[in-house]
Protein backbone atom coordinates (compact mmCIF):
# COMPACT_ATOMS: atom_id res chain seq x y z
CA MET A 1 -0.10 -0.05 -0.22
CA LYS A 2 2.56 2.24 0.81
CA LYS A 3 4.68 1.83 -2.46
CA ILE A 4 1.33 2.52 -4.24
CA ILE A 5 0.64 5.75 -2.35
CA SER A 6 4.21 6.72 -2.96
CA LEU A 7 3.89 6.17 -6.84
CA LEU A 8 0.41 8.17 -6.60
CA ILE A 9 2.45 11.21 -5.22
CA PHE A 10 5.28 10.76 -7.41
CA ASN A 11 3.06 11.09 -10.44
CA PHE A 12 0.82 13.61 -9.09
CA LEU A 13 4.16 15.63 -8.81
CA LEU A 14 5.59 14.67 -12.08
CA PHE A 15 2.13 16.01 -13.53
CA THR A 16 2.33 18.93 -11.75
CA VAL A 17 6.27 19.65 -12.94
CA LEU A 18 5.11 18.80 -16.55
CA ASN A 19 2.27 21.31 -16.80
CA ALA A 20 4.59 24.07 -15.36
CA ALA A 21 7.33 23.85 -17.79
CA PHE A 22 7.60 25.95 -21.22
CA PRO A 23 4.43 25.92 -22.91
CA ASP A 24 3.70 23.26 -25.80
CA TRP A 25 3.69 26.07 -28.28
CA TYR A 26 7.36 26.67 -27.92
CA TYR A 27 8.22 23.00 -28.41
CA ASN A 28 6.52 23.30 -31.82
CA ILE A 29 8.74 26.17 -33.22
CA ARG A 30 10.75 24.90 -35.57
CA ASN A 31 12.49 27.98 -36.91
CA ILE A 32 15.77 28.44 -34.57
CA ASN A 33 15.86 32.26 -34.84
CA GLU A 34 11.77 32.37 -33.87
CA GLN A 35 12.67 29.83 -31.12
CA LYS A 36 15.44 31.93 -29.54
CA LYS A 37 13.01 34.89 -29.56
CA ALA A 38 10.28 33.13 -27.94
CA PHE A 39 13.27 32.11 -25.44
CA VAL A 40 13.57 35.73 -24.50
CA GLU A 41 10.16 36.46 -24.32
CA ILE A 42 9.47 33.50 -21.91
CA MET A 43 12.57 34.05 -19.81
CA LEU A 44 13.58 37.69 -19.69
CA PRO A 45 10.14 38.96 -17.80
CA LEU A 46 10.68 36.22 -15.33
CA ILE A 47 14.37 37.20 -14.82
CA GLN A 48 13.42 40.95 -14.66
CA THR A 49 10.40 40.03 -11.97
CA GLU A 50 13.04 38.21 -9.63
CA ASN A 51 15.62 41.00 -10.30
CA LYS A 52 12.89 43.53 -9.11
CA ASN A 53 12.20 41.12 -5.84
CA ILE A 54 16.01 41.07 -5.10
CA LEU A 55 16.15 45.00 -5.53
CA ASN A 56 13.29 45.35 -3.26
CA LEU A 57 14.83 43.62 -0.58
CA ARG A 58 17.68 45.26 -1.30
CA LYS A 59 16.31 48.69 -0.66
CA LYS A 60 14.55 47.42 2.23
CA ILE A 61 17.95 46.32 3.92
CA ILE A 62 19.46 49.68 2.87
CA LYS A 63 16.47 51.42 4.98
CA ILE A 64 17.06 49.43 8.09
CA PHE A 65 20.83 50.41 8.12
CA ASN A 66 19.86 54.13 7.50
CA ASP A 67 17.85 53.96 10.72
CA PRO A 68 20.20 55.32 13.41
CA ALA A 69 18.06 53.65 15.85
CA PHE A 70 17.52 50.01 14.06
CA LEU A 71 19.37 48.10 16.78
CA LEU A 72 16.66 49.29 19.38
CA LYS A 73 14.03 47.74 16.91
CA PRO A 74 13.50 43.79 17.58
CA GLU A 75 11.53 43.17 14.41
CA LYS A 76 14.37 45.03 12.27
CA ILE A 77 17.18 42.65 14.04
CA ALA A 78 14.92 39.51 13.34
CA PHE A 79 14.42 40.48 9.64
CA LEU A 80 18.00 41.14 9.07
CA ALA A 81 18.55 37.56 11.36
CA LYS A 82 16.31 35.94 8.83
CA GLU A 83 17.77 37.20 5.72
CA ALA A 84 21.32 36.85 6.91
CA LYS A 85 20.39 32.93 7.40
CA LYS A 86 19.16 32.74 3.86
CA TYR A 87 22.20 34.31 2.22
CA LYS A 88 24.74 33.18 4.63
CA ILE A 89 25.91 36.25 6.14
CA LYS A 90 27.64 35.61 9.06
CA ASN A 91 27.72 39.01 10.98
CA ILE A 92 24.03 40.81 10.74
CA LEU A 93 25.61 44.11 11.42
CA ASN A 94 27.90 44.17 8.39
CA ARG A 95 25.98 46.34 6.16
CA ASP A 96 28.75 45.78 3.18
CA GLU A 97 28.41 41.94 3.41
CA PHE A 98 24.36 42.37 2.90
CA LEU A 99 25.06 44.60 -0.06
CA LYS A 100 27.58 42.27 -1.67
CA LYS A 101 25.03 39.29 -1.61
CA ILE A 102 21.96 40.91 -2.11
CA ASP A 103 22.05 42.42 -5.44
CA THR A 104 20.62 41.54 -9.03
CA ILE A 105 21.97 39.66 -11.66
CA PRO A 106 22.81 40.59 -15.22
CA PRO A 107 19.70 39.34 -17.29
CA SER A 108 22.18 38.87 -20.47
CA LEU A 109 24.29 36.25 -18.15
CA ALA A 110 21.08 34.74 -16.71
CA LEU A 111 19.49 34.12 -20.23
CA ALA A 112 23.26 32.83 -21.57
CA GLN A 113 23.17 30.33 -18.50
CA ALA A 114 19.64 29.11 -19.04
CA ALA A 115 20.02 28.69 -22.70
CA ILE A 116 23.43 26.86 -22.29
CA GLU A 117 22.47 24.73 -19.35
CA SER A 118 18.91 23.74 -20.40
CA GLY A 119 19.56 23.52 -24.38
CA TRP A 120 17.15 26.44 -25.05
CA GLY A 121 14.53 25.00 -22.69
CA LYS A 122 14.62 21.66 -24.69
CA SER A 123 16.54 19.38 -21.97
CA ARG A 124 14.57 16.84 -20.36
CA PHE A 125 15.53 18.49 -17.09
CA VAL A 126 13.54 21.32 -17.82
CA LYS A 127 10.58 19.18 -19.21
CA LEU A 128 10.76 16.74 -16.08
CA ALA A 129 12.10 18.95 -13.52
CA ASN A 130 12.02 22.81 -14.47
CA ASN A 131 15.45 22.77 -14.00
CA LEU A 132 16.95 25.52 -16.15
CA PHE A 133 20.21 26.04 -14.90
CA GLY A 134 21.82 22.49 -13.97
CA HIS A 135 21.02 22.60 -10.31
CA TRP A 136 22.01 19.47 -8.34
CA GLU A 137 21.30 18.08 -5.03
CA TYR A 138 23.42 15.66 -3.10
CA SER A 139 20.84 13.01 -2.69
CA ASN A 140 19.01 10.68 -5.07
CA ASN A 141 15.73 12.71 -4.60
CA GLY A 142 15.85 14.52 -7.87
CA LEU A 143 16.09 13.44 -11.60
CA SER A 144 18.62 11.10 -12.17
CA PRO A 145 21.22 12.33 -14.81
CA LYS A 146 22.00 9.92 -17.58
CA ASP A 147 25.89 10.53 -17.50
CA ARG A 148 27.62 10.96 -14.24
CA TYR A 149 30.68 12.85 -13.84
CA SER A 150 33.38 9.98 -13.02
CA SER A 151 35.42 12.37 -10.98
CA ILE A 152 32.38 13.15 -8.46
CA ASP A 153 32.17 10.05 -5.71
CA ILE A 154 28.95 11.92 -3.96
CA ASN A 155 25.40 10.79 -5.04
CA TYR A 156 23.45 13.55 -6.84
CA SER A 157 20.70 14.17 -9.07
CA LEU A 158 19.06 17.32 -10.85
CA LYS A 159 16.89 19.01 -8.54
CA ILE A 160 13.05 19.32 -9.37
CA PHE A 161 11.42 22.46 -9.15
CA PRO A 162 7.93 23.41 -9.13
CA SER A 163 7.94 25.91 -11.80
CA ILE A 164 10.57 27.82 -14.03
CA GLU A 165 10.08 30.68 -11.57
CA ASP A 166 11.51 28.85 -8.89
CA SER A 167 14.55 27.55 -10.78
CA ILE A 168 15.50 31.47 -11.95
CA LYS A 169 15.10 32.15 -7.76
CA ALA A 170 17.23 29.41 -6.72
CA TYR A 171 19.73 30.51 -9.71
CA MET A 172 20.12 33.73 -8.41
CA LEU A 173 20.38 33.06 -4.75
CA ASN A 174 23.12 30.59 -5.64
CA LEU A 175 25.13 33.15 -7.33
CA ASN A 176 24.36 35.44 -4.43
CA ARG A 177 25.36 33.31 -1.51
CA ASN A 178 27.51 30.29 -3.03
CA PRO A 179 31.38 30.73 -2.25
CA ALA A 180 32.01 29.46 -5.51
CA TYR A 181 30.79 32.90 -6.96
CA LYS A 182 32.66 35.10 -4.23
CA GLU A 183 34.52 36.93 -7.26
CA PHE A 184 31.12 37.40 -9.14
CA ARG A 185 29.87 39.28 -5.77
CA ASN A 186 33.07 41.21 -5.26
CA VAL A 187 33.33 42.39 -8.81
CA ARG A 188 29.70 43.38 -9.14
CA TYR A 189 30.31 45.07 -5.69
CA PHE A 190 33.22 46.97 -7.38
CA TYR A 191 31.27 48.16 -10.20
CA LYS A 192 28.32 49.42 -8.08
CA LEU A 193 30.57 51.63 -5.66
CA LYS A 194 32.31 53.06 -8.98
CA ASN A 195 28.71 53.58 -10.51
CA LYS A 196 29.55 51.69 -13.48
CA LYS A 197 27.33 49.12 -15.33
CA PHE A 198 28.03 45.52 -14.27
CA THR A 199 27.11 43.65 -17.62
CA GLY A 200 26.87 39.92 -18.28
CA LEU A 201 30.17 40.07 -20.47
CA ILE A 202 32.03 41.26 -17.32
CA ALA A 203 29.91 38.97 -14.99
CA ALA A 204 30.90 36.10 -17.44
CA THR A 205 34.64 36.27 -16.70
CA THR A 206 33.68 35.00 -13.09
CA MET A 207 31.82 31.77 -13.97
CA GLU A 208 34.65 29.60 -14.19
CA LEU A 209 33.56 27.71 -11.17
CA TYR A 210 30.22 27.12 -12.55
CA SER A 211 30.89 24.39 -15.12
CA GLN A 212 33.41 21.44 -15.46
CA LYS A 213 34.63 23.16 -18.87
CA ARG A 214 35.84 26.27 -16.62
CA ASP A 215 37.59 28.59 -19.19
CA GLU A 216 35.88 27.06 -21.90
CA TYR A 217 32.29 27.88 -20.05
CA VAL A 218 33.24 31.49 -19.81
CA LYS A 219 34.17 32.18 -23.61
CA LEU A 220 30.64 30.16 -24.52
CA LEU A 221 28.85 32.50 -22.19
CA GLN A 222 30.22 35.63 -23.62
CA LYS A 223 29.94 34.23 -27.36
CA MET A 224 25.98 33.63 -26.58
CA ILE A 225 25.65 37.10 -25.23
CA ILE A 226 27.48 38.87 -27.90
CA GLN A 227 25.87 36.66 -30.91
CA ASN A 228 22.29 37.45 -29.43
CA HIS A 229 23.04 40.92 -28.64
CA TRP A 230 21.52 40.30 -25.20
CA GLU A 231 23.80 43.21 -23.43
CA LYS A 232 21.01 45.31 -24.29
CA PHE A 233 18.96 44.02 -21.54
CA ASP A 234 21.38 45.18 -18.85
CA LYS A 235 20.24 48.05 -17.43
């Protein structure tokens, strides 16, 4: 009986995921240029929405730190503590650490990584798991990859997301808190301090650890951004 119930739950979750992925009409497009355009039309608003959410949170953090009496207000300390836990910030009184980690992602970078990691949204990871950015989880609870890296001796699977929006949120949170992308955050913070535009082409140079391909992956990201003229989305 337990096995039957588990199977029913799995099938329900799979059905939910399958109905939350890219729309059917997208997969029916045969012209490559039209499909690329449709990919951006689907993805860009979602990327911009999550960036707006992050920007609103950043503004709230700044407002708290600009309040000279915030240390006397338990609700503000509790809010900082909650966000510090989410973003892996050690010192909740360190304003710079918050501002380094809570910031937007260049849309051109997000589009390039989504296109590369998901095969323009056509990979089975997207269709079965809404996983646009190749996110792993170190368990067997996700979607099993067809091929595993022989150099990795830990059980891992592809994380299943309820929607592509959740995949985008996880991707941005990953770049904003994972130690592997500390250089990304430092460069972004430097550009912010200098009041310079932090573009996807610049951000791509810090993505060496995102892929086993290392330098080749960086070049691939930059090529993707340039060929598709996506830097125009970095405002």
